[in-house]
């Protein structure tokens, strides 16, 4: 059996900045939904592109949202998970959108127009690692380059 230990905020930030895809949880009148998304990081916020008619576009503004990124090695029974919680907002300021685009704009994988940018600030960041003696950073299947 492996032990778990908490990741520092710095380790969580490093893994969040390296990641490409995760999941966002949003509450709706019919209950919570978990939506897979690709994302970008802007300082200490998660940025997601979506449509105004999606679950996130409909129920995300002003809502407490939860975002998770993780990785598991099932054979070696080890892994890690980072969770961000924050109140969602929509980025609609043209100067801010232009600034985001200059650094790393979240590019949706799904087809269709996704012009709404949702920001989830890192109000609360937690992370856990299962198993010691290994660096999750060295075992990422994909790392964002820029």
Protein backbone atom coordinates (compact mmCIF):
# COMPACT_ATOMS: atom_id res chain seq x y z
CA UNK A 1 0.00 0.00 0.00
CA UNK A 2 1.24 3.47 -0.90
CA UNK A 3 0.86 6.49 1.33
CA UNK A 4 -0.60 9.78 0.18
CA UNK A 5 0.80 13.19 0.89
CA UNK A 6 -0.35 16.71 0.19
CA UNK A 7 1.31 18.66 -2.61
CA UNK A 8 2.52 22.19 -1.97
CA UNK A 9 0.85 25.10 -3.74
CA UNK A 10 4.01 25.43 -5.84
CA UNK A 11 3.84 21.77 -6.92
CA UNK A 12 0.13 22.17 -7.72
CA UNK A 13 0.87 25.28 -9.81
CA UNK A 14 3.64 23.46 -11.68
CA UNK A 15 1.32 20.57 -12.57
CA UNK A 16 -1.55 22.89 -13.51
CA UNK A 17 0.72 24.93 -15.79
CA UNK A 18 2.01 21.79 -17.51
CA UNK A 19 -1.40 20.24 -18.11
CA UNK A 20 -3.59 20.38 -21.17
CA UNK A 21 -6.95 18.80 -20.25
CA UNK A 22 -8.98 18.37 -17.10
CA UNK A 23 -12.54 18.41 -15.79
CA UNK A 24 -14.73 21.18 -14.45
CA UNK A 25 -17.67 20.57 -12.12
CA UNK A 26 -20.64 22.92 -12.25
CA UNK A 27 -23.93 22.85 -10.36
CA UNK A 28 -27.16 23.02 -12.35
CA UNK A 29 -30.85 22.85 -11.42
CA UNK A 30 -30.75 19.12 -12.27
CA UNK A 31 -27.67 18.49 -10.12
CA UNK A 32 -23.90 18.65 -10.54
CA UNK A 33 -22.24 17.96 -13.90
CA UNK A 34 -18.61 17.18 -14.66
CA UNK A 35 -17.41 18.35 -18.05
CA UNK A 36 -14.08 17.40 -19.67
CA UNK A 37 -12.28 20.48 -21.02
CA UNK A 38 -8.95 21.59 -22.35
CA UNK A 39 -7.65 24.67 -20.60
CA UNK A 40 -5.03 27.35 -20.25
CA UNK A 41 -3.51 28.96 -17.16
CA UNK A 42 -3.37 32.73 -16.72
CA UNK A 43 -1.35 33.59 -13.62
CA UNK A 44 -3.47 31.95 -10.89
CA UNK A 45 -6.61 31.26 -12.92
CA UNK A 46 -7.86 28.47 -15.14
CA UNK A 47 -9.20 29.66 -18.52
CA UNK A 48 -11.67 27.61 -20.54
CA UNK A 49 -13.31 28.42 -23.89
CA UNK A 50 -16.94 27.34 -24.27
CA UNK A 51 -20.24 28.47 -25.75
CA UNK A 52 -22.82 30.63 -24.05
CA UNK A 53 -25.28 27.72 -24.37
CA UNK A 54 -23.12 25.07 -22.72
CA UNK A 55 -23.63 23.98 -19.11
CA UNK A 56 -20.62 26.07 -18.10
CA UNK A 57 -21.82 29.05 -20.13
CA UNK A 58 -25.33 28.81 -18.73
CA UNK A 59 -24.54 28.13 -15.06
CA UNK A 60 -20.87 29.11 -14.59
CA UNK A 61 -21.05 32.88 -14.10
CA UNK A 62 -20.79 33.67 -10.39
CA UNK A 63 -20.99 29.98 -9.45
CA UNK A 64 -18.51 28.17 -7.27
CA UNK A 65 -16.71 25.91 -9.77
CA UNK A 66 -14.32 23.05 -9.21
CA UNK A 67 -11.58 22.11 -11.70
CA UNK A 68 -9.45 18.96 -11.53
CA UNK A 69 -6.44 17.66 -13.41
CA UNK A 70 -4.79 14.35 -12.55
CA UNK A 71 -2.77 11.42 -13.74
CA UNK A 72 -2.59 7.82 -12.57
CA UNK A 73 -0.23 4.95 -13.28
CA UNK A 74 -2.44 1.93 -12.72
CA UNK A 75 0.36 -0.60 -13.04
CA UNK A 76 2.54 1.03 -10.38
CA UNK A 77 -0.48 2.16 -8.32
CA UNK A 78 0.63 5.76 -8.02
CA UNK A 79 -0.64 9.10 -9.19
CA UNK A 80 -1.55 12.65 -8.35
CA UNK A 81 -4.50 15.01 -8.43
CA UNK A 82 -4.80 18.80 -8.26
CA UNK A 83 -8.11 20.54 -7.55
CA UNK A 84 -8.89 24.24 -7.94
CA UNK A 85 -12.01 25.86 -6.54
CA UNK A 86 -13.11 29.39 -7.33
CA UNK A 87 -16.03 31.54 -8.38
CA UNK A 88 -16.44 31.50 -12.15
CA UNK A 89 -16.48 34.69 -14.18
CA UNK A 90 -16.69 35.44 -17.89
CA UNK A 91 -13.87 37.38 -19.51
CA UNK A 92 -15.51 39.98 -21.74
CA UNK A 93 -13.07 42.88 -21.59
CA UNK A 94 -11.50 43.15 -25.07
CA UNK A 95 -8.12 44.31 -23.73
CA UNK A 96 -7.99 41.39 -21.32
CA UNK A 97 -8.97 38.93 -24.07
CA UNK A 98 -6.23 40.36 -26.30
CA UNK A 99 -3.69 39.98 -23.48
CA UNK A 100 -4.75 36.36 -22.89
CA UNK A 101 -4.38 35.66 -26.62
CA UNK A 102 -0.82 36.99 -26.64
CA UNK A 103 0.31 34.52 -23.96
CA UNK A 104 -1.61 31.29 -24.45
CA UNK A 105 -5.17 31.34 -25.55
CA UNK A 106 -7.27 28.30 -24.60
CA UNK A 107 -7.91 26.56 -27.90
CA UNK A 108 -10.91 24.24 -27.81
CA UNK A 109 -10.56 20.74 -29.18
CA UNK A 110 -14.27 20.37 -29.94
CA UNK A 111 -15.68 21.78 -33.18
CA UNK A 112 -17.89 24.82 -33.31
CA UNK A 113 -17.67 28.40 -32.13
CA UNK A 114 -16.46 28.71 -28.55
CA UNK A 115 -16.20 32.44 -27.98
CA UNK A 116 -16.94 32.56 -24.26
CA UNK A 117 -13.88 32.53 -21.98
CA UNK A 118 -14.57 31.33 -18.44
CA UNK A 119 -12.09 32.20 -15.68
CA UNK A 120 -11.78 30.11 -12.51
CA UNK A 121 -9.48 31.83 -10.01
CA UNK A 122 -7.35 29.66 -7.74
CA UNK A 123 -9.23 30.66 -4.59
CA UNK A 124 -8.49 27.24 -3.16
CA UNK A 125 -5.82 24.87 -4.52
CA UNK A 126 -5.21 21.40 -3.15
CA UNK A 127 -3.23 18.47 -4.43
CA UNK A 128 -2.33 14.97 -3.38
CA UNK A 129 0.23 12.46 -4.52
CA UNK A 130 -0.08 8.73 -4.05
CA UNK A 131 3.26 7.07 -3.42
CA UNK A 132 6.57 8.73 -2.64
CA UNK A 133 9.99 8.63 -4.22
CA UNK A 134 8.92 9.76 -7.68
CA UNK A 135 8.36 13.11 -9.35
CA UNK A 136 4.97 13.49 -11.09
CA UNK A 137 6.50 16.13 -13.37
CA UNK A 138 8.86 13.56 -14.92
CA UNK A 139 5.97 11.21 -15.75
CA UNK A 140 3.52 13.57 -17.45
CA UNK A 141 2.20 12.05 -20.69
CA UNK A 142 1.99 15.55 -22.24
CA UNK A 143 3.44 18.90 -21.20
CA UNK A 144 2.42 22.30 -22.45
CA UNK A 145 5.44 23.87 -24.09
CA UNK A 146 4.46 27.52 -24.05
